[in-house]
Amino acid sequence: MTLYAKVQQDACIACGLCQLAAPSLFSYDVNGIASYAPDHNTGSQPVADVAQVAFKLAYTRCPTHAIKRSNQPFPAPTPPRRPEL
């Protein structure tokens, strides 16, 4: 099964459990907030087959459920609209 991943960064508490479970899949910013490393947290690249067990372990261990998964790519974020003049 194809899995896509992303971290909901506003829910991340920087506990580090995801990187302990799957060090090749998660990276952190200067504040310790996690992101899904293979696609820079866009949710556009599938989790590699060889990494799915580690990903599922990280997913289940996340205490805030900040790690998200989907069977299809996550939608691209919409840019903010500029006010009409």
PDB file of N, CA and C in Angstrom:
ATOM      1  N   MET A   1       0.840  -1.173   0.000  1.00  0.00           N
ATOM      2  CA  MET A   1       0.000   0.000   0.000  1.00  0.00           C
ATOM      3  C   MET A   1       0.889   1.242   0.000  1.00  0.00           C
ATOM      4  N   THR A   2       0.542   2.205  -0.822  1.00  0.00           N
ATOM      5  CA  THR A   2       1.287   3.453  -0.883  1.00  0.00           C
ATOM      6  C   THR A   2       0.846   4.366   0.253  1.00  0.00           C
ATOM      7  N   LEU A   3       1.830   4.895   0.979  1.00  0.00           N
ATOM      8  CA  LEU A   3       1.564   5.815   2.080  1.00  0.00           C
ATOM      9  C   LEU A   3       2.266   7.136   1.827  1.00  0.00           C
ATOM     10  N   TYR A   4       1.604   8.215   2.146  1.00  0.00           N
ATOM     11  CA  TYR A   4       2.192   9.549   2.102  1.00  0.00           C
ATOM     12  C   TYR A   4       2.192  10.082   3.528  1.00  0.00           C
ATOM     13  N   ALA A   5       3.180  10.894   3.853  1.00  0.00           N
ATOM     14  CA  ALA A   5       3.322  11.372   5.225  1.00  0.00           C
ATOM     15  C   ALA A   5       3.574  12.863   5.273  1.00  0.00           C
ATOM     16  N   LYS A   6       3.222  13.412   6.422  1.00  0.00           N
ATOM     17  CA  LYS A   6       3.406  14.837   6.659  1.00  0.00           C
ATOM     18  C   LYS A   6       3.295  15.059   8.164  1.00  0.00           C
ATOM     19  N   VAL A   7       3.962  16.081   8.678  1.00  0.00           N
ATOM     20  CA  VAL A   7       3.832  16.432  10.089  1.00  0.00           C
ATOM     21  C   VAL A   7       3.006  17.707  10.196  1.00  0.00           C
ATOM     22  N   GLN A   8       1.979  17.661  11.004  1.00  0.00           N
ATOM     23  CA  GLN A   8       1.193  18.861  11.309  1.00  0.00           C
ATOM     24  C   GLN A   8       1.999  19.626  12.356  1.00  0.00           C
ATOM     25  N   GLN A   9       2.805  20.553  11.895  1.00  0.00           N
ATOM     26  CA  GLN A   9       3.816  21.165  12.741  1.00  0.00           C
ATOM     27  C   GLN A   9       3.249  21.970  13.902  1.00  0.00           C
ATOM     28  N   ASP A  10       2.070  22.513  13.777  1.00  0.00           N
ATOM     29  CA  ASP A  10       1.506  23.256  14.906  1.00  0.00           C
ATOM     30  C   ASP A  10       1.060  22.331  16.036  1.00  0.00           C
ATOM     31  N   ALA A  11       0.999  21.030  15.784  1.00  0.00           N
ATOM     32  CA  ALA A  11       0.656  20.058  16.820  1.00  0.00           C
ATOM     33  C   ALA A  11       1.892  19.381  17.414  1.00  0.00           C
ATOM     34  N   CYS A  12       3.045  19.546  16.781  1.00  0.00           N
ATOM     35  CA  CYS A  12       4.283  18.902  17.233  1.00  0.00           C
ATOM     36  C   CYS A  12       4.775  19.569  18.517  1.00  0.00           C
ATOM     37  N   ILE A  13       5.159  18.756  19.509  1.00  0.00           N
ATOM     38  CA  ILE A  13       5.680  19.280  20.771  1.00  0.00           C
ATOM     39  C   ILE A  13       7.187  19.073  20.897  1.00  0.00           C
ATOM     40  N   ALA A  14       7.842  18.702  19.819  1.00  0.00           N
ATOM     41  CA  ALA A  14       9.303  18.547  19.785  1.00  0.00           C
ATOM     42  C   ALA A  14       9.810  17.508  20.780  1.00  0.00           C
ATOM     43  N   CYS A  15       9.098  16.397  20.904  1.00  0.00           N
ATOM     44  CA  CYS A  15       9.500  15.363  21.859  1.00  0.00           C
ATOM     45  C   CYS A  15      10.609  14.461  21.325  1.00  0.00           C
ATOM     46  N   GLY A  16      10.743  14.360  20.001  1.00  0.00           N
ATOM     47  CA  GLY A  16      11.805  13.560  19.405  1.00  0.00           C
ATOM     48  C   GLY A  16      11.493  12.091  19.202  1.00  0.00           C
ATOM     49  N   LEU A  17      10.312  11.638  19.570  1.00  0.00           N
ATOM     50  CA  LEU A  17       9.995  10.215  19.438  1.00  0.00           C
ATOM     51  C   LEU A  17       9.965   9.747  17.989  1.00  0.00           C
ATOM     52  N   CYS A  18       9.541  10.610  17.077  1.00  0.00           N
ATOM     53  CA  CYS A  18       9.476  10.185  15.674  1.00  0.00           C
ATOM     54  C   CYS A  18      10.872   9.903  15.126  1.00  0.00           C
ATOM     55  N   GLN A  19      11.838  10.739  15.478  1.00  0.00           N
ATOM     56  CA  GLN A  19      13.182  10.510  14.959  1.00  0.00           C
ATOM     57  C   GLN A  19      13.840   9.307  15.623  1.00  0.00           C
ATOM     58  N   LEU A  20      13.498   9.023  16.857  1.00  0.00           N
ATOM     59  CA  LEU A  20      14.013   7.810  17.492  1.00  0.00           C
ATOM     60  C   LEU A  20      13.495   6.567  16.775  1.00  0.00           C
ATOM     61  N   ALA A  21      12.249   6.590  16.364  1.00  0.00           N
ATOM     62  CA  ALA A  21      11.643   5.441  15.689  1.00  0.00           C
ATOM     63  C   ALA A  21      12.049   5.340  14.226  1.00  0.00           C
ATOM     64  N   ALA A  22      12.222   6.485  13.565  1.00  0.00           N
ATOM     65  CA  ALA A  22      12.501   6.499  12.119  1.00  0.00           C
ATOM     66  C   ALA A  22      13.458   7.646  11.787  1.00  0.00           C
ATOM     67  N   PRO A  23      14.733   7.511  12.157  1.00  0.00           N
ATOM     68  CA  PRO A  23      15.674   8.626  11.992  1.00  0.00           C
ATOM     69  C   PRO A  23      15.870   9.092  10.560  1.00  0.00           C
ATOM     70  N   SER A  24      15.696   8.228   9.593  1.00  0.00           N
ATOM     71  CA  SER A  24      15.892   8.649   8.202  1.00  0.00           C
ATOM     72  C   SER A  24      14.675   9.384   7.639  1.00  0.00           C
ATOM     73  N   LEU A  25      13.569   9.370   8.355  1.00  0.00           N
ATOM     74  CA  LEU A  25      12.334   9.955   7.834  1.00  0.00           C
ATOM     75  C   LEU A  25      11.978  11.320   8.414  1.00  0.00           C
ATOM     76  N   PHE A  26      12.549  11.662   9.563  1.00  0.00           N
ATOM     77  CA  PHE A  26      12.151  12.901  10.219  1.00  0.00           C
ATOM     78  C   PHE A  26      13.357  13.771  10.522  1.00  0.00           C
ATOM     79  N   SER A  27      13.184  15.063  10.319  1.00  0.00           N
ATOM     80  CA  SER A  27      14.215  16.038  10.670  1.00  0.00           C
ATOM     81  C   SER A  27      13.547  17.127  11.501  1.00  0.00           C
ATOM     82  N   TYR A  28      14.363  18.020  12.027  1.00  0.00           N
ATOM     83  CA  TYR A  28      13.859  19.047  12.937  1.00  0.00           C
ATOM     84  C   TYR A  28      14.351  20.423  12.543  1.00  0.00           C
ATOM     85  N   ASP A  29      13.545  21.436  12.856  1.00  0.00           N
ATOM     86  CA  ASP A  29      13.995  22.810  12.655  1.00  0.00           C
ATOM     87  C   ASP A  29      14.743  23.262  13.918  1.00  0.00           C
ATOM     88  N   VAL A  30      15.149  24.503  13.980  1.00  0.00           N
ATOM     89  CA  VAL A  30      15.948  24.991  15.108  1.00  0.00           C
ATOM     90  C   VAL A  30      15.183  24.948  16.429  1.00  0.00           C
ATOM     91  N   ASN A  31      13.875  24.901  16.379  1.00  0.00           N
ATOM     92  CA  ASN A  31      13.057  24.813  17.591  1.00  0.00           C
ATOM     93  C   ASN A  31      12.690  23.381  17.957  1.00  0.00           C
ATOM     94  N   GLY A  32      13.183  22.412  17.195  1.00  0.00           N
ATOM     95  CA  GLY A  32      12.900  21.014  17.471  1.00  0.00           C
ATOM     96  C   GLY A  32      11.600  20.507  16.881  1.00  0.00           C
ATOM     97  N   ILE A  33      10.945  21.300  16.057  1.00  0.00           N
ATOM     98  CA  ILE A  33       9.682  20.886  15.441  1.00  0.00           C
ATOM     99  C   ILE A  33       9.990  19.957  14.273  1.00  0.00           C
ATOM    100  N   ALA A  34       9.305  18.830  14.241  1.00  0.00           N
ATOM    101  CA  ALA A  34       9.581  17.787  13.252  1.00  0.00           C
ATOM    102  C   ALA A  34       9.000  18.117  11.885  1.00  0.00           C
ATOM    103  N   SER A  35       9.615  17.511  10.879  1.00  0.00           N
ATOM    104  CA  SER A  35       9.064  17.536   9.522  1.00  0.00           C
ATOM    105  C   SER A  35       9.402  16.208   8.865  1.00  0.00           C
ATOM    106  N   TYR A  36       8.605  15.835   7.886  1.00  0.00           N
ATOM    107  CA  TYR A  36       8.856  14.613   7.127  1.00  0.00           C
ATOM    108  C   TYR A  36       9.960  14.936   6.124  1.00  0.00           C
ATOM    109  N   ALA A  37      11.130  14.383   6.329  1.00  0.00           N
ATOM    110  CA  ALA A  37      12.340  14.780   5.598  1.00  0.00           C
ATOM    111  C   ALA A  37      12.361  14.441   4.109  1.00  0.00           C
ATOM    112  N   PRO A  38      11.900  13.270   3.670  1.00  0.00           N
ATOM    113  CA  PRO A  38      12.072  12.934   2.249  1.00  0.00           C
ATOM    114  C   PRO A  38      11.482  13.940   1.264  1.00  0.00           C
ATOM    115  N   ASP A  39      10.409  14.626   1.644  1.00  0.00           N
ATOM    116  CA  ASP A  39       9.826  15.602   0.708  1.00  0.00           C
ATOM    117  C   ASP A  39       9.672  16.987   1.343  1.00  0.00           C
ATOM    118  N   HIS A  40      10.458  17.255   2.373  1.00  0.00           N
ATOM    119  CA  HIS A  40      10.441  18.560   3.054  1.00  0.00           C
ATOM    120  C   HIS A  40       9.051  18.903   3.579  1.00  0.00           C
ATOM    121  N   ASN A  41       8.360  17.869   4.055  1.00  0.00           N
ATOM    122  CA  ASN A  41       7.051  17.996   4.700  1.00  0.00           C
ATOM    123  C   ASN A  41       5.932  18.463   3.772  1.00  0.00           C
ATOM    124  N   THR A  42       6.062  18.187   2.488  1.00  0.00           N
ATOM    125  CA  THR A  42       4.985  18.558   1.564  1.00  0.00           C
ATOM    126  C   THR A  42       3.915  17.473   1.453  1.00  0.00           C
ATOM    127  N   GLY A  43       4.244  16.245   1.843  1.00  0.00           N
ATOM    128  CA  GLY A  43       3.288  15.152   1.715  1.00  0.00           C
ATOM    129  C   GLY A  43       3.083  14.710   0.286  1.00  0.00           C
ATOM    130  N   SER A  44       4.089  14.968  -0.560  1.00  0.00           N
ATOM    131  CA  SER A  44       3.948  14.680  -1.989  1.00  0.00           C
ATOM    132  C   SER A  44       4.697  13.434  -2.454  1.00  0.00           C
ATOM    133  N   GLN A  45       5.599  12.912  -1.629  1.00  0.00           N
ATOM    134  CA  GLN A  45       6.377  11.728  -1.995  1.00  0.00           C
ATOM    135  C   GLN A  45       5.964  10.555  -1.114  1.00  0.00           C
ATOM    136  N   PRO A  46       5.753   9.385  -1.695  1.00  0.00           N
ATOM    137  CA  PRO A  46       5.355   8.241  -0.870  1.00  0.00           C
ATOM    138  C   PRO A  46       6.481   7.778   0.046  1.00  0.00           C
ATOM    139  N   VAL A  47       6.089   7.210   1.168  1.00  0.00           N
ATOM    140  CA  VAL A  47       7.044   6.590   2.080  1.00  0.00           C
ATOM    141  C   VAL A  47       7.612   5.369   1.364  1.00  0.00           C
ATOM    142  N   ALA A  48       8.923   5.252   1.334  1.00  0.00           N
ATOM    143  CA  ALA A  48       9.562   4.110   0.675  1.00  0.00           C
ATOM    144  C   ALA A  48       9.107   2.808   1.331  1.00  0.00           C
ATOM    145  N   ASP A  49       8.956   1.777   0.524  1.00  0.00           N
ATOM    146  CA  ASP A  49       8.511   0.479   1.044  1.00  0.00           C
ATOM    147  C   ASP A  49       9.385   0.001   2.196  1.00  0.00           C
ATOM    148  N   VAL A  50      10.703   0.181   2.078  1.00  0.00           N
ATOM    149  CA  VAL A  50      11.619  -0.301   3.119  1.00  0.00           C
ATOM    150  C   VAL A  50      11.513   0.516   4.404  1.00  0.00           C
ATOM    151  N   ALA A  51      10.879   1.670   4.356  1.00  0.00           N
ATOM    152  CA  ALA A  51      10.761   2.541   5.534  1.00  0.00           C
ATOM    153  C   ALA A  51       9.375   2.500   6.165  1.00  0.00           C
ATOM    154  N   GLN A  52       8.461   1.725   5.615  1.00  0.00           N
ATOM    155  CA  GLN A  52       7.083   1.766   6.110  1.00  0.00           C
ATOM    156  C   GLN A  52       6.929   1.240   7.528  1.00  0.00           C
ATOM    157  N   VAL A  53       7.685   0.228   7.906  1.00  0.00           N
ATOM    158  CA  VAL A  53       7.580  -0.291   9.274  1.00  0.00           C
ATOM    159  C   VAL A  53       8.040   0.773  10.265  1.00  0.00           C
ATOM    160  N   ALA A  54       9.174   1.412   9.980  1.00  0.00           N
ATOM    161  CA  ALA A  54       9.675   2.479  10.857  1.00  0.00           C
ATOM    162  C   ALA A  54       8.699   3.651  10.891  1.00  0.00           C
ATOM    163  N   PHE A  55       8.146   4.008   9.742  1.00  0.00           N
ATOM    164  CA  PHE A  55       7.173   5.104   9.708  1.00  0.00           C
ATOM    165  C   PHE A  55       5.967   4.777  10.584  1.00  0.00           C
ATOM    166  N   LYS A  56       5.421   3.582  10.454  1.00  0.00           N
ATOM    167  CA  LYS A  56       4.238   3.212  11.232  1.00  0.00           C
ATOM    168  C   LYS A  56       4.532   3.229  12.733  1.00  0.00           C
ATOM    169  N   LEU A  57       5.758   2.862  13.112  1.00  0.00           N
ATOM    170  CA  LEU A  57       6.149   2.921  14.518  1.00  0.00           C
ATOM    171  C   LEU A  57       6.162   4.376  14.994  1.00  0.00           C
ATOM    172  N   ALA A  58       6.765   5.263  14.213  1.00  0.00           N
ATOM    173  CA  ALA A  58       6.780   6.687  14.569  1.00  0.00           C
ATOM    174  C   ALA A  58       5.358   7.237  14.635  1.00  0.00           C
ATOM    175  N   TYR A  59       4.546   6.876  13.674  1.00  0.00           N
ATOM    176  CA  TYR A  59       3.153   7.338  13.604  1.00  0.00           C
ATOM    177  C   TYR A  59       2.384   6.945  14.870  1.00  0.00           C
ATOM    178  N   THR A  60       2.542   5.722  15.312  1.00  0.00           N
ATOM    179  CA  THR A  60       1.795   5.263  16.488  1.00  0.00           C
ATOM    180  C   THR A  60       2.362   5.813  17.788  1.00  0.00           C
ATOM    181  N   ARG A  61       3.633   6.181  17.809  1.00  0.00           N
ATOM    182  CA  ARG A  61       4.246   6.695  19.038  1.00  0.00           C
ATOM    183  C   ARG A  61       4.075   8.197  19.229  1.00  0.00           C
ATOM    184  N   CYS A  62       3.681   8.915  18.220  1.00  0.00           N
ATOM    185  CA  CYS A  62       3.561  10.372  18.335  1.00  0.00           C
ATOM    186  C   CYS A  62       2.471  10.710  19.362  1.00  0.00           C
ATOM    187  N   PRO A  63       2.839  11.349  20.480  1.00  0.00           N
ATOM    188  CA  PRO A  63       1.852  11.583  21.538  1.00  0.00           C
ATOM    189  C   PRO A  63       0.777  12.608  21.179  1.00  0.00           C
ATOM    190  N   THR A  64       1.026  13.458  20.198  1.00  0.00           N
ATOM    191  CA  THR A  64       0.037  14.476  19.826  1.00  0.00           C
ATOM    192  C   THR A  64      -0.651  14.165  18.500  1.00  0.00           C
ATOM    193  N   HIS A  65      -0.302  13.037  17.894  1.00  0.00           N
ATOM    194  CA  HIS A  65      -0.855  12.637  16.594  1.00  0.00           C
ATOM    195  C   HIS A  65      -0.555  13.677  15.515  1.00  0.00           C
ATOM    196  N   ALA A  66       0.621  14.312  15.634  1.00  0.00           N
ATOM    197  CA  ALA A  66       1.029  15.328  14.656  1.00  0.00           C
ATOM    198  C   ALA A  66       1.459  14.706  13.334  1.00  0.00           C
ATOM    199  N   ILE A  67       1.855  13.439  13.357  1.00  0.00           N
ATOM    200  CA  ILE A  67       2.247  12.756  12.120  1.00  0.00           C
ATOM    201  C   ILE A  67       0.974  12.314  11.413  1.00  0.00           C
ATOM    202  N   LYS A  68       0.834  12.748  10.193  1.00  0.00           N
ATOM    203  CA  LYS A  68      -0.349  12.420   9.402  1.00  0.00           C
ATOM    204  C   LYS A  68       0.040  11.461   8.285  1.00  0.00           C
ATOM    205  N   ARG A  69      -0.892  10.618   7.899  1.00  0.00           N
ATOM    206  CA  ARG A  69      -0.656   9.702   6.778  1.00  0.00           C
ATOM    207  C   ARG A  69      -1.883   9.692   5.885  1.00  0.00           C
ATOM    208  N   SER A  70      -1.643   9.337   4.631  1.00  0.00           N
ATOM    209  CA  SER A  70      -2.720   9.317   3.646  1.00  0.00           C
ATOM    210  C   SER A  70      -2.381   8.294   2.574  1.00  0.00           C
ATOM    211  N   ASN A  71      -3.390   7.803   1.891  1.00  0.00           N
ATOM    212  CA  ASN A  71      -3.178   6.886   0.766  1.00  0.00           C
ATOM    213  C   ASN A  71      -2.942   7.631  -0.538  1.00  0.00           C
ATOM    214  N   GLN A  72      -3.009   8.942  -0.495  1.00  0.00           N
ATOM    215  CA  GLN A  72      -2.758   9.767  -1.678  1.00  0.00           C
ATOM    216  C   GLN A  72      -1.966  10.996  -1.245  1.00  0.00           C
ATOM    217  N   PRO A  73      -1.331  11.685  -2.175  1.00  0.00           N
ATOM    218  CA  PRO A  73      -0.553  12.868  -1.801  1.00  0.00           C
ATOM    219  C   PRO A  73      -1.430  13.913  -1.109  1.00  0.00           C
ATOM    220  N   PHE A  74      -0.820  14.621  -0.176  1.00  0.00           N
ATOM    221  CA  PHE A  74      -1.529  15.708   0.495  1.00  0.00           C
ATOM    222  C   PHE A  74      -1.671  16.872  -0.476  1.00  0.00           C
ATOM    223  N   PRO A  75      -2.747  17.632  -0.375  1.00  0.00           N
ATOM    224  CA  PRO A  75      -2.898  18.785  -1.269  1.00  0.00           C
ATOM    225  C   PRO A  75      -1.815  19.828  -0.985  1.00  0.00           C
ATOM    226  N   ALA A  76      -1.389  20.492  -2.025  1.00  0.00           N
ATOM    227  CA  ALA A  76      -0.398  21.561  -1.865  1.00  0.00           C
ATOM    228  C   ALA A  76      -1.043  22.712  -1.104  1.00  0.00           C
ATOM    229  N   PRO A  77      -0.275  23.360  -0.230  1.00  0.00           N
ATOM    230  CA  PRO A  77      -0.859  24.498   0.488  1.00  0.00           C
ATOM    231  C   PRO A  77      -1.206  25.622  -0.476  1.00  0.00           C
ATOM    232  N   THR A  78      -2.275  26.293  -0.185  1.00  0.00           N
ATOM    233  CA  THR A  78      -2.670  27.408  -1.045  1.00  0.00           C
ATOM    234  C   THR A  78      -1.965  28.669  -0.574  1.00  0.00           C
ATOM    235  N   PRO A  79      -1.409  29.427  -1.505  1.00  0.00           N
ATOM    236  CA  PRO A  79      -0.726  30.660  -1.101  1.00  0.00           C
ATOM    237  C   PRO A  79      -1.741  31.676  -0.586  1.00  0.00           C
ATOM    238  N   PRO A  80      -1.304  32.544   0.320  1.00  0.00           N
ATOM    239  CA  PRO A  80      -2.245  33.548   0.820  1.00  0.00           C
ATOM    240  C   PRO A  80      -2.700  34.476  -0.294  1.00  0.00           C
ATOM    241  N   ARG A  81      -3.943  34.864  -0.232  1.00  0.00           N
ATOM    242  CA  ARG A  81      -4.495  35.771  -1.250  1.00  0.00           C
ATOM    243  C   ARG A  81      -4.098  37.196  -0.934  1.00  0.00           C
ATOM    244  N   ARG A  82      -3.774  37.906  -1.969  1.00  0.00           N
ATOM    245  CA  ARG A  82      -3.462  39.321  -1.809  1.00  0.00           C
ATOM    246  C   ARG A  82      -4.768  40.102  -1.803  1.00  0.00           C
ATOM    247  N   PRO A  83      -4.849  41.094  -0.942  1.00  0.00           N
ATOM    248  CA  PRO A  83      -6.089  41.881  -0.916  1.00  0.00           C
ATOM    249  C   PRO A  83      -6.285  42.629  -2.225  1.00  0.00           C
ATOM    250  N   GLU A  84      -7.527  42.728  -2.615  1.00  0.00           N
ATOM    251  CA  GLU A  84      -7.860  43.470  -3.836  1.00  0.00           C
ATOM    252  C   GLU A  84      -7.769  44.956  -3.541  1.00  0.00           C
ATOM    253  N   LEU A  85      -7.232  45.670  -4.480  1.00  0.00           N
ATOM    254  CA  LEU A  85      -7.116  47.132  -4.310  1.00  0.00           C
ATOM    255  C   LEU A  85      -8.213  47.855  -5.038  1.00  0.00           C
TER     256      LEU A  85
END
